[in-house]
Amino acid sequence: MKQPQINCRHLIPFLWLLSACSTVIPDSPPDKTSQLGPRPFYLIDEMEPGALKRKLESCAAGPFYPSTFSIAHRGAPLQFPEHTAQSYSAAARMGAGIIECDVTFTKDKQLVCRHDQCDLHTTTDILLRPELATQCYQPFNAASAKEDASAVCCTSDITLNEFKSLCGKMDAFNPRATTVQEYQTGTPEFRTDLYTTCATLLTHRESIALLQQLGTGFTPELKTPRVTMPFHGNYTQQDFIAQTIQEYRAADIAADQVWIQSFDANDIRHLIATYPGFAGQAVYLDARSEQPDFVATKENFEKLYAEGFRVIAPPIAVLLDLDGEGKIVPSQYARLARHAGFDIIAWSLERSGRLKEDMKEGSAGDYYYASVREAISGDKNLYPVLDVLAKQIGIIGIFSDWPATATYYANCMLGD
């Protein structure tokens, strides 16, 4: 099997890590093949008989290679604590050609990788550190008969050195906890706590160095600050963006290896105006569908494109619809975006865990599959959904919580 050529984006070399659970900087020789483990094969085995299943089965012997179609969403958080060295290393092993660092900042204005500026209470052991827990924006409150347990701990509450002293854990909490120890539990049943022994948190600079060693591309997300900006009266959103860009330049990372993301269209506009080298593949994370009055129209896509937006990334459900026969097909949004000239990235595969046999409204996967819920009947539908996204819509990549799934598909279906 030759290496896939996906939307003219070449495959990125991959360096092996001796241990995904202990080594931050690999020192072993390059190895461009990927290890996918059993999950892609399980998903294929679950599929209904047909041409797609036969084609996917025909690729089972591999070899498999990294692909930029496979984008690691927070690393490999289906099994490893998100935004940690261990999670990134696992994602690279599984062939993720691009790995995400959600970028936010600490009290002393240093950049770190966290999905949310205020998620330390669910993704780290900060509440078990009395000297740090007292600095949290909202200290731990035990559950009562009337209220769930709560806490809010932000990167902006602590310094970089304090942040680096924390241990990463699976993103979870127990809403009925009466103690801090109980609050630390609650991992969803489709994830695992097997690999959570003090996972290594990363600064943005450290993530760049690690991903350089792993040989992957970079997709930093400019997280929306949860604090009032300017922070401490003088640190603006533009300063935050400039600092993020500078850390790539300081590491001598070429702009075409960086896919900067933001949910804030004004961040993308600032990149277009100020950092044109990074703007060409800046990713607009489009959540406009969450607005009750949003309607996808030819005009609103053409307006964004005219402003210089080139890559758009909505949730999976926004790109899909059902036809009159109940088949999954591209949505009007997907057709209009492609017609306007956009490259499309989808998010996030496997974020909702196992697909249910009956995807009722409000179920775990409802957000990602809401538009095609009636056609989903278990994990057998995951690859058929991905096939519509890739072949009928032409997405250039997909964020996944377990990159091996997308890597297998890219090698098998997009490699000719």
Protein backbone atom coordinates (compact mmCIF):
# COMPACT_ATOMS: atom_id res chain seq x y z
CA MET A 1 0.00 0.00 0.00
CA LYS A 2 1.49 3.34 -0.94
CA GLN A 3 1.30 6.29 1.37
CA PRO A 4 -1.92 8.27 0.94
CA GLN A 5 -1.89 11.58 -0.85
CA ILE A 6 -4.70 13.57 0.74
CA ASN A 7 -5.65 16.93 -0.69
CA CYS A 8 -2.05 17.48 -1.75
CA ARG A 9 -0.97 17.44 1.91
CA HIS A 10 2.05 15.13 2.14
CA LEU A 11 2.40 12.60 4.90
CA ILE A 12 4.36 13.76 7.89
CA PRO A 13 7.23 11.58 9.19
CA PHE A 14 6.67 9.81 12.49
CA LEU A 15 9.22 9.16 15.23
CA TRP A 16 8.78 6.32 17.65
CA LEU A 17 8.49 6.76 21.41
CA LEU A 18 9.91 4.03 23.61
CA SER A 19 7.08 4.44 26.10
CA ALA A 20 3.86 6.37 25.59
CA CYS A 21 3.38 6.50 29.35
CA SER A 22 6.76 7.70 30.57
CA THR A 23 8.89 9.36 27.91
CA VAL A 24 8.32 12.97 26.93
CA ILE A 25 11.10 13.44 24.35
CA PRO A 26 11.79 10.36 22.20
CA ASP A 27 15.37 9.36 21.49
CA SER A 28 14.88 6.31 19.28
CA PRO A 29 15.28 6.14 15.49
CA PRO A 30 12.61 7.22 13.02
CA ASP A 31 9.87 4.80 12.07
CA LYS A 32 7.25 6.02 9.60
CA THR A 33 4.76 3.22 10.13
CA SER A 34 1.88 3.44 12.59
CA GLN A 35 0.40 1.04 15.12
CA LEU A 36 -3.38 1.07 15.06
CA GLY A 37 -4.36 -1.53 17.63
CA PRO A 38 -7.69 -3.43 17.56
CA ARG A 39 -10.24 -0.60 17.44
CA PRO A 40 -10.42 0.00 13.64
CA PHE A 41 -10.80 -3.74 13.11
CA TYR A 42 -13.56 -3.96 15.73
CA LEU A 43 -15.44 -1.15 13.98
CA ILE A 44 -15.09 -2.87 10.61
CA ASP A 45 -16.23 -6.21 12.04
CA GLU A 46 -19.37 -4.48 13.36
CA MET A 47 -20.32 -3.13 9.92
CA GLU A 48 -23.12 -4.46 7.75
CA PRO A 49 -21.91 -6.49 4.71
CA GLY A 50 -21.30 -4.39 1.63
CA ALA A 51 -18.74 -2.76 -0.65
CA LEU A 52 -17.38 -0.37 2.00
CA LYS A 53 -16.82 -3.16 4.49
CA ARG A 54 -15.11 -5.33 1.86
CA LYS A 55 -12.80 -2.49 0.87
CA LEU A 56 -11.87 -1.71 4.47
CA GLU A 57 -11.28 -5.40 5.21
CA SER A 58 -8.95 -5.63 2.20
CA CYS A 59 -6.53 -3.22 3.89
CA ALA A 60 -6.22 -5.15 7.14
CA ALA A 61 -2.65 -6.30 6.53
CA GLY A 62 -1.34 -2.74 6.28
CA PRO A 63 1.24 -1.30 6.53
CA PHE A 64 -0.22 1.94 7.87
CA TYR A 65 1.34 5.39 7.75
CA PRO A 66 0.71 8.75 9.41
CA SER A 67 -1.79 10.97 7.62
CA THR A 68 -2.77 14.60 8.01
CA PHE A 69 -6.37 13.46 7.47
CA SER A 70 -6.11 12.03 11.00
CA ILE A 71 -6.12 14.94 13.46
CA ALA A 72 -5.64 14.15 17.14
CA HIS A 73 -8.31 15.90 19.21
CA ARG A 74 -6.53 16.76 22.48
CA GLY A 75 -4.21 13.80 21.82
CA ALA A 76 -5.84 10.39 22.31
CA PRO A 77 -8.32 11.11 25.13
CA LEU A 78 -10.43 8.02 24.63
CA GLN A 79 -7.84 6.31 26.85
CA PHE A 80 -5.15 8.84 27.82
CA PRO A 81 -5.54 12.08 29.81
CA GLU A 82 -6.03 14.86 27.30
CA HIS A 83 -3.33 17.40 26.47
CA THR A 84 -0.57 15.40 28.15
CA ALA A 85 2.71 14.08 26.80
CA GLN A 86 1.38 10.54 27.08
CA SER A 87 -1.78 11.38 25.12
CA TYR A 88 0.13 13.15 22.34
CA SER A 89 2.62 10.29 22.08
CA ALA A 90 -0.17 7.73 21.79
CA ALA A 91 -1.84 9.81 19.08
CA ALA A 92 1.36 10.00 17.07
CA ARG A 93 1.87 6.25 17.35
CA MET A 94 -1.60 5.81 15.85
CA GLY A 95 -0.70 7.90 12.82
CA ALA A 96 -2.17 11.28 13.66
CA GLY A 97 -0.49 13.60 11.18
CA ILE A 98 -1.59 16.69 13.11
CA ILE A 99 -1.97 16.99 16.88
CA GLU A 100 -3.91 19.64 18.78
CA CYS A 101 -2.79 21.83 21.66
CA ASP A 102 -5.62 24.00 22.97
CA VAL A 103 -3.72 27.09 24.05
CA THR A 104 -4.51 29.17 27.12
CA PHE A 105 -2.44 31.07 29.70
CA THR A 106 -1.42 31.02 33.33
CA LYS A 107 -1.45 33.71 36.01
CA ASP A 108 2.03 34.80 34.90
CA LYS A 109 0.91 34.89 31.24
CA GLN A 110 2.66 31.75 30.08
CA LEU A 111 1.04 29.54 27.44
CA VAL A 112 -0.08 26.01 28.30
CA CYS A 113 -2.16 23.24 26.71
CA ARG A 114 -5.66 22.89 28.23
CA HIS A 115 -9.02 22.41 26.56
CA ASP A 116 -10.52 25.10 28.75
CA GLN A 117 -8.82 27.79 30.77
CA CYS A 118 -10.94 26.67 33.72
CA ASP A 119 -10.87 22.86 33.61
CA LEU A 120 -8.09 22.07 36.08
CA HIS A 121 -10.60 20.81 38.67
CA THR A 122 -11.69 18.02 36.30
CA THR A 123 -8.49 17.30 34.34
CA THR A 124 -5.82 17.47 37.07
CA ASP A 125 -5.28 16.70 40.74
CA ILE A 126 -5.27 20.38 41.78
CA LEU A 127 -8.03 19.85 44.34
CA LEU A 128 -5.85 17.28 46.09
CA ARG A 129 -3.11 19.91 46.51
CA PRO A 130 -4.30 22.11 49.42
CA GLU A 131 -1.67 24.76 48.73
CA LEU A 132 -3.02 25.17 45.17
CA ALA A 133 -6.70 24.34 45.70
CA THR A 134 -7.06 27.43 47.87
CA GLN A 135 -6.10 29.56 44.86
CA CYS A 136 -8.95 28.21 42.70
CA TYR A 137 -11.52 30.71 41.47
CA GLN A 138 -14.16 28.61 43.21
CA PRO A 139 -12.90 26.12 45.80
CA PHE A 140 -14.55 22.72 46.13
CA ASN A 141 -18.13 22.68 47.43
CA ALA A 142 -19.51 19.31 48.47
CA ALA A 143 -22.79 18.03 47.10
CA SER A 144 -25.88 18.63 49.17
CA ALA A 145 -29.45 17.44 48.97
CA LYS A 146 -30.26 20.38 46.70
CA GLU A 147 -27.04 21.05 44.76
CA ASP A 148 -24.33 19.08 42.97
CA ALA A 149 -20.70 19.29 43.97
CA SER A 150 -18.78 22.07 42.25
CA ALA A 151 -15.39 23.70 41.81
CA VAL A 152 -13.73 26.00 39.28
CA CYS A 153 -9.95 25.99 38.94
CA CYS A 154 -8.31 27.95 36.12
CA THR A 155 -4.83 28.10 34.66
CA SER A 156 -5.03 31.84 35.26
CA ASP A 157 -5.35 31.15 39.01
CA ILE A 158 -1.82 29.74 39.25
CA THR A 159 1.70 30.31 37.93
CA LEU A 160 3.43 28.25 35.28
CA ASN A 161 5.60 26.48 37.88
CA GLU A 162 2.52 25.59 39.88
CA PHE A 163 0.78 24.34 36.75
CA LYS A 164 3.74 22.12 35.91
CA SER A 165 3.59 20.53 39.36
CA LEU A 166 0.13 19.09 38.66
CA CYS A 167 -0.72 15.58 37.45
CA GLY A 168 -3.04 15.12 34.49
CA LYS A 169 -6.03 12.79 34.81
CA MET A 170 -9.01 11.80 32.69
CA ASP A 171 -11.49 14.66 32.31
CA ALA A 172 -14.21 13.70 34.80
CA PHE A 173 -15.91 14.54 38.07
CA ASN A 174 -18.52 13.04 40.37
CA PRO A 175 -21.41 15.52 40.76
CA ARG A 176 -22.62 13.81 43.95
CA ALA A 177 -19.24 13.92 45.65
CA THR A 178 -19.07 14.91 49.29
CA THR A 179 -15.26 14.81 49.40
CA VAL A 180 -12.50 16.00 47.08
CA GLN A 181 -11.40 12.39 46.63
CA GLU A 182 -14.88 11.42 45.41
CA TYR A 183 -15.00 14.44 43.12
CA GLN A 184 -11.92 13.14 41.28
CA THR A 185 -13.86 10.10 40.02
CA GLY A 186 -16.64 9.82 37.41
CA THR A 187 -14.73 8.78 34.28
CA PRO A 188 -17.29 7.85 31.55
CA GLU A 189 -17.74 4.14 31.04
CA PHE A 190 -16.40 4.29 27.48
CA ARG A 191 -13.04 5.69 28.67
CA THR A 192 -10.52 4.22 31.11
CA ASP A 193 -8.38 5.21 34.08
CA LEU A 194 -5.66 2.66 33.27
CA TYR A 195 -3.19 5.29 32.03
CA THR A 196 -3.75 8.16 34.46
CA THR A 197 -0.81 7.86 36.85
CA CYS A 198 0.31 11.48 37.00
CA ALA A 199 0.21 12.21 33.27
CA THR A 200 2.59 14.99 32.21
CA LEU A 201 1.06 18.43 31.62
CA LEU A 202 2.66 20.52 28.88
CA THR A 203 3.39 24.12 28.20
CA HIS A 204 2.72 25.26 24.65
CA ARG A 205 6.49 25.41 24.04
CA GLU A 206 6.90 21.87 25.34
CA SER A 207 4.10 20.66 23.08
CA ILE A 208 5.87 22.21 20.09
CA ALA A 209 9.14 20.49 21.01
CA LEU A 210 7.42 17.14 21.53
CA LEU A 211 5.46 17.31 18.28
CA GLN A 212 8.65 18.27 16.45
CA GLN A 213 10.25 15.12 17.79
CA LEU A 214 7.19 13.07 16.88
CA GLY A 215 7.20 14.52 13.37
CA THR A 216 3.60 15.74 13.29
CA GLY A 217 1.89 18.95 12.26
CA PHE A 218 0.52 21.44 14.78
CA THR A 219 -3.02 22.70 15.33
CA PRO A 220 -3.16 25.10 18.26
CA GLU A 221 -6.61 26.31 19.22
CA LEU A 222 -6.79 29.85 20.57
CA LYS A 223 -9.06 29.18 23.51
CA THR A 224 -11.59 31.84 24.38
CA PRO A 225 -10.37 33.39 27.65
CA ARG A 226 -12.55 32.80 30.70
CA VAL A 227 -11.14 35.88 32.37
CA THR A 228 -11.76 39.53 31.58
CA MET A 229 -9.47 40.80 28.85
CA PRO A 230 -7.15 42.64 28.92
CA PHE A 231 -5.90 40.27 31.63
CA HIS A 232 -4.31 42.12 34.55
CA GLY A 233 -5.12 45.29 32.67
CA ASN A 234 -2.52 44.97 29.91
CA TYR A 235 -2.57 41.50 28.31
CA THR A 236 -4.90 41.68 25.31
CA GLN A 237 -6.30 39.01 23.01
CA GLN A 238 -3.93 40.33 20.33
CA ASP A 239 -1.01 39.85 22.74
CA PHE A 240 -2.17 36.27 23.34
CA ILE A 241 -2.27 35.56 19.60
CA ALA A 242 1.12 37.21 19.05
CA GLN A 243 2.67 35.14 21.85
CA THR A 244 1.27 31.94 20.33
CA ILE A 245 2.67 32.79 16.89
CA GLN A 246 6.03 33.78 18.36
CA GLU A 247 6.50 30.41 20.05
CA TYR A 248 6.24 28.68 16.66
CA ARG A 249 8.62 31.16 15.09
CA ALA A 250 11.09 30.74 17.97
CA ALA A 251 11.05 26.98 17.36
CA ASP A 252 11.62 27.57 13.62
CA ILE A 253 8.32 25.94 12.67
CA ALA A 254 7.19 26.78 9.15
CA ALA A 255 3.77 28.42 8.95
CA ASP A 256 2.53 25.72 6.57
CA GLN A 257 2.94 23.16 9.35
CA VAL A 258 0.58 25.08 11.66
CA TRP A 259 -3.23 25.03 11.48
CA ILE A 260 -4.30 27.70 14.00
CA GLN A 261 -7.92 27.32 15.12
CA SER A 262 -10.45 29.55 16.81
CA PHE A 263 -14.19 29.67 17.45
CA ASP A 264 -13.91 33.46 17.37
CA ALA A 265 -14.13 34.78 13.81
CA ASN A 266 -12.36 37.95 14.95
CA ASP A 267 -9.28 35.88 15.83
CA ILE A 268 -9.21 34.58 12.24
CA ARG A 269 -9.66 38.12 10.93
CA HIS A 270 -6.72 39.26 13.06
CA LEU A 271 -4.56 36.46 11.66
CA ILE A 272 -5.53 37.44 8.10
CA ALA A 273 -4.64 41.08 8.73
CA THR A 274 -1.50 40.59 10.84
CA TYR A 275 -0.04 37.14 10.17
CA PRO A 276 -0.87 36.29 6.55
CA GLY A 277 1.63 33.42 6.49
CA PHE A 278 -0.38 31.62 9.18
CA ALA A 279 -3.79 32.73 7.93
CA GLY A 280 -3.95 30.63 4.75
CA GLN A 281 -4.82 27.49 6.69
CA ALA A 282 -6.26 29.07 9.82
CA VAL A 283 -9.25 26.99 10.89
CA TYR A 284 -12.52 28.72 11.72
CA LEU A 285 -14.31 26.46 14.20
CA ASP A 286 -17.82 27.22 13.10
CA ALA A 287 -20.39 26.89 15.89
CA ARG A 288 -22.92 29.24 14.29
CA SER A 289 -25.32 26.31 14.03
CA GLU A 290 -25.83 26.61 17.80
CA GLN A 291 -27.52 29.95 17.24
CA PRO A 292 -31.29 29.42 16.94
CA ASP A 293 -31.63 31.75 13.96
CA PHE A 294 -28.63 30.51 11.94
CA VAL A 295 -29.37 29.39 8.39
CA ALA A 296 -26.60 28.30 6.03
CA THR A 297 -26.80 30.47 2.92
CA LYS A 298 -24.68 31.00 -0.16
CA GLU A 299 -24.22 34.63 0.87
CA ASN A 300 -22.81 34.02 4.34
CA PHE A 301 -20.24 31.53 3.06
CA GLU A 302 -19.21 33.80 0.20
CA LYS A 303 -18.83 36.70 2.63
CA LEU A 304 -16.46 34.71 4.87
CA TYR A 305 -14.46 33.53 1.87
CA ALA A 306 -14.17 37.08 0.56
CA GLU A 307 -12.72 38.12 3.94
CA GLY A 308 -9.93 35.56 3.53
CA PHE A 309 -11.30 32.58 5.50
CA ARG A 310 -10.19 29.36 3.78
CA VAL A 311 -10.71 26.43 6.19
CA ILE A 312 -13.97 25.93 8.04
CA ALA A 313 -14.65 23.31 10.71
CA PRO A 314 -18.18 22.61 11.98
CA PRO A 315 -19.32 19.69 14.13
CA ILE A 316 -20.03 16.43 12.30
CA ALA A 317 -23.81 16.78 12.57
CA VAL A 318 -23.83 20.09 10.70
CA LEU A 319 -22.28 18.43 7.65
CA LEU A 320 -24.78 15.57 7.44
CA ASP A 321 -28.46 15.11 6.68
CA LEU A 322 -30.89 12.35 5.75
CA ASP A 323 -32.46 12.05 2.32
CA GLY A 324 -36.04 10.94 1.66
CA GLU A 325 -35.02 7.30 1.98
CA GLY A 326 -33.27 7.80 5.31
CA LYS A 327 -29.73 7.60 3.87
CA ILE A 328 -26.95 9.77 5.28
CA VAL A 329 -26.00 12.46 2.75
CA PRO A 330 -24.18 15.83 2.70
CA SER A 331 -26.14 18.69 4.26
CA GLN A 332 -26.94 21.99 2.62
CA TYR A 333 -24.23 23.54 4.82
CA ALA A 334 -21.64 21.11 3.42
CA ARG A 335 -22.67 21.72 -0.18
CA LEU A 336 -22.64 25.51 0.19
CA ALA A 337 -19.29 25.55 1.99
CA ARG A 338 -17.63 23.47 -0.70
CA HIS A 339 -19.25 25.51 -3.47
CA ALA A 340 -17.84 28.68 -1.89
CA GLY A 341 -14.36 27.18 -2.04
CA PHE A 342 -13.77 26.17 1.57
CA ASP A 343 -11.67 23.28 2.75
CA ILE A 344 -13.64 21.50 5.48
CA ILE A 345 -12.51 19.77 8.66
CA ALA A 346 -15.02 17.95 10.88
CA TRP A 347 -15.10 17.45 14.64
CA SER A 348 -15.00 15.24 16.63
CA LEU A 349 -15.04 11.54 15.80
CA GLU A 350 -15.37 9.19 18.79
CA ARG A 351 -15.85 12.04 21.23
CA SER A 352 -19.19 10.57 22.25
CA GLY A 353 -17.81 7.10 22.81
CA ARG A 354 -19.76 4.04 21.70
CA LEU A 355 -22.59 4.79 19.29
CA LYS A 356 -25.85 3.63 20.82
CA GLU A 357 -28.24 1.21 19.15
CA ASP A 358 -30.96 3.82 19.63
CA MET A 359 -29.60 7.39 19.45
CA LYS A 360 -32.45 9.09 21.24
CA GLU A 361 -32.44 12.85 21.63
CA GLY A 362 -30.29 13.80 24.58
CA SER A 363 -28.12 10.67 24.38
CA ALA A 364 -24.32 10.88 24.61
CA GLY A 365 -23.84 11.13 20.86
CA ASP A 366 -26.74 13.43 20.17
CA TYR A 367 -24.61 16.53 19.61
CA TYR A 368 -22.35 14.93 17.01
CA TYR A 369 -24.99 12.87 15.23
CA ALA A 370 -28.19 14.83 15.92
CA SER A 371 -28.97 15.46 12.25
CA VAL A 372 -28.75 11.76 11.34
CA ARG A 373 -29.76 10.21 14.65
CA GLU A 374 -32.48 8.08 13.06
CA ALA A 375 -29.91 6.35 10.81
CA ILE A 376 -27.48 5.49 13.63
CA SER A 377 -27.78 2.05 15.18
CA GLY A 378 -24.47 1.32 16.85
CA ASP A 379 -20.75 1.33 16.12
CA LYS A 380 -21.40 -0.30 12.73
CA ASN A 381 -22.30 3.19 11.46
CA LEU A 382 -19.06 4.96 12.38
CA TYR A 383 -17.11 4.14 9.21
CA PRO A 384 -20.13 4.71 6.94
CA VAL A 385 -20.49 8.19 8.48
CA LEU A 386 -16.79 8.86 7.94
CA ASP A 387 -17.10 7.64 4.36
CA VAL A 388 -19.82 10.20 3.58
CA LEU A 389 -17.72 12.94 5.15
CA ALA A 390 -14.61 11.97 3.19
CA LYS A 391 -15.94 10.81 -0.16
CA GLN A 392 -19.18 12.74 -0.68
CA ILE A 393 -18.23 15.98 1.09
CA GLY A 394 -14.47 15.85 0.67
CA ILE A 395 -13.33 16.88 4.14
CA ILE A 396 -9.57 17.31 4.34
CA GLY A 397 -9.33 16.00 7.88
CA ILE A 398 -11.22 14.98 10.98
CA PHE A 399 -10.54 15.49 14.66
CA SER A 400 -10.73 12.23 16.56
CA ASP A 401 -10.37 11.14 20.18
CA TRP A 402 -8.76 7.90 18.92
CA PRO A 403 -6.73 8.74 15.79
CA ALA A 404 -6.17 5.14 14.71
CA THR A 405 -9.73 5.02 13.38
CA ALA A 406 -9.16 7.90 10.96
CA THR A 407 -5.63 6.76 10.11
CA TYR A 408 -6.93 3.36 8.97
CA TYR A 409 -9.60 4.97 6.81
CA ALA A 410 -7.16 7.45 5.23
CA ASN A 411 -4.65 4.75 4.35
CA CYS A 412 -7.26 2.40 2.95
CA MET A 413 -9.72 4.74 1.22
CA LEU A 414 -7.74 7.86 0.34
CA GLY A 415 -4.42 6.34 -0.65
CA ASP A 416 -5.01 5.65 -4.34
